[in-house]
Amino acid sequence: MNHITFRPKGVCSAKIDFDLEDGKIYNVSFLGGCNGNLKAIGKLVEGKDAKEVADILRGNDCQGRGTSCADQFSKAIDEALA
């Protein structure tokens, strides 16, 4: 299992941690941000295909910032898969 730590930019969360194994996402956690919503994202993506998750979350916007914690998570996944 490969552990990933990502520092998002332009959002409330300060850190995203997750594990990748065989192209699947596990153990997602966000430091900061909207706690309940980000915990829900972690539960929804547990065991899912990483590329599919990134494709779904990419481009999500929060309050006109041009990004969001979910969008930053997609960037973290993209980097991890590259």
Protein backbone atom coordinates (compact mmCIF):
# COMPACT_ATOMS: atom_id res chain seq x y z
CA MET A 1 0.00 0.00 0.00
CA ASN A 2 1.32 3.44 -0.95
CA HIS A 3 0.59 6.29 1.49
CA ILE A 4 0.09 9.75 -0.02
CA THR A 5 0.22 13.11 1.76
CA PHE A 6 -0.85 16.15 -0.27
CA ARG A 7 -0.83 19.85 0.68
CA PRO A 8 -3.82 21.48 -1.03
CA LYS A 9 -3.76 25.10 -2.22
CA GLY A 10 -6.53 27.70 -2.09
CA VAL A 11 -8.86 25.77 0.21
CA CYS A 12 -9.61 25.45 3.92
CA SER A 13 -8.10 22.01 4.38
CA ALA A 14 -4.36 21.99 5.07
CA LYS A 15 -3.54 18.37 4.29
CA ILE A 16 -5.03 15.35 2.54
CA ASP A 17 -3.84 11.84 3.39
CA PHE A 18 -4.88 8.64 1.64
CA ASP A 19 -3.61 5.23 0.63
CA LEU A 20 -3.46 3.72 -2.85
CA GLU A 21 -3.39 0.00 -3.46
CA ASP A 22 -3.94 -1.62 -6.86
CA GLY A 23 -5.46 1.63 -8.18
CA LYS A 24 -7.99 1.85 -5.35
CA ILE A 25 -8.33 4.53 -2.66
CA TYR A 26 -8.38 3.80 1.08
CA ASN A 27 -8.13 5.64 4.41
CA VAL A 28 -8.88 9.18 3.18
CA SER A 29 -8.53 11.96 5.74
CA PHE A 30 -8.51 15.73 5.48
CA LEU A 31 -6.95 18.10 8.02
CA GLY A 32 -9.18 21.16 8.33
CA GLY A 33 -12.02 22.12 6.02
CA CYS A 34 -15.68 21.20 6.37
CA ASN A 35 -15.28 18.21 8.65
CA GLY A 36 -18.57 16.42 8.04
CA ASN A 37 -18.51 16.83 4.27
CA LEU A 38 -14.90 15.73 3.97
CA LYS A 39 -15.49 12.68 6.16
CA ALA A 40 -18.41 11.81 3.88
CA ILE A 41 -16.16 12.04 0.80
CA GLY A 42 -13.73 9.65 2.47
CA LYS A 43 -16.50 7.15 3.16
CA LEU A 44 -17.94 7.43 -0.35
CA VAL A 45 -14.63 6.80 -2.11
CA GLU A 46 -13.30 4.01 0.16
CA GLY A 47 -12.21 1.10 -2.04
CA LYS A 48 -13.16 2.89 -5.28
CA ASP A 49 -11.08 3.21 -8.44
CA ALA A 50 -8.76 6.19 -8.00
CA LYS A 51 -9.00 7.46 -11.59
CA GLU A 52 -12.80 7.34 -11.53
CA VAL A 53 -12.87 9.24 -8.22
CA ALA A 54 -10.51 11.92 -9.59
CA ASP A 55 -12.64 12.29 -12.73
CA ILE A 56 -15.80 12.78 -10.65
CA LEU A 57 -14.30 15.30 -8.20
CA ARG A 58 -12.18 17.31 -10.67
CA GLY A 59 -13.45 20.86 -11.26
CA ASN A 60 -15.72 21.04 -8.20
CA ASP A 61 -15.78 24.67 -7.02
CA CYS A 62 -16.24 26.08 -3.52
CA GLN A 63 -17.51 29.64 -3.13
CA GLY A 64 -16.05 30.87 -6.44
CA ARG A 65 -12.48 29.94 -5.54
CA GLY A 66 -11.95 27.99 -8.75
CA THR A 67 -11.18 24.92 -6.66
CA SER A 68 -12.41 23.05 -3.59
CA CYS A 69 -11.17 20.40 -1.19
CA ALA A 70 -12.70 17.78 -3.50
CA ASP A 71 -10.98 19.33 -6.54
CA GLN A 72 -7.68 19.41 -4.66
CA PHE A 73 -8.19 15.75 -3.75
CA SER A 74 -8.54 15.01 -7.48
CA LYS A 75 -5.20 16.76 -8.06
CA ALA A 76 -3.62 14.68 -5.30
CA ILE A 77 -4.93 11.49 -6.91
CA ASP A 78 -3.72 12.57 -10.36
CA GLU A 79 -0.22 13.24 -8.97
CA ALA A 80 -0.17 9.91 -7.16
CA LEU A 81 -1.19 8.02 -10.29
CA ALA A 82 1.32 9.81 -12.56
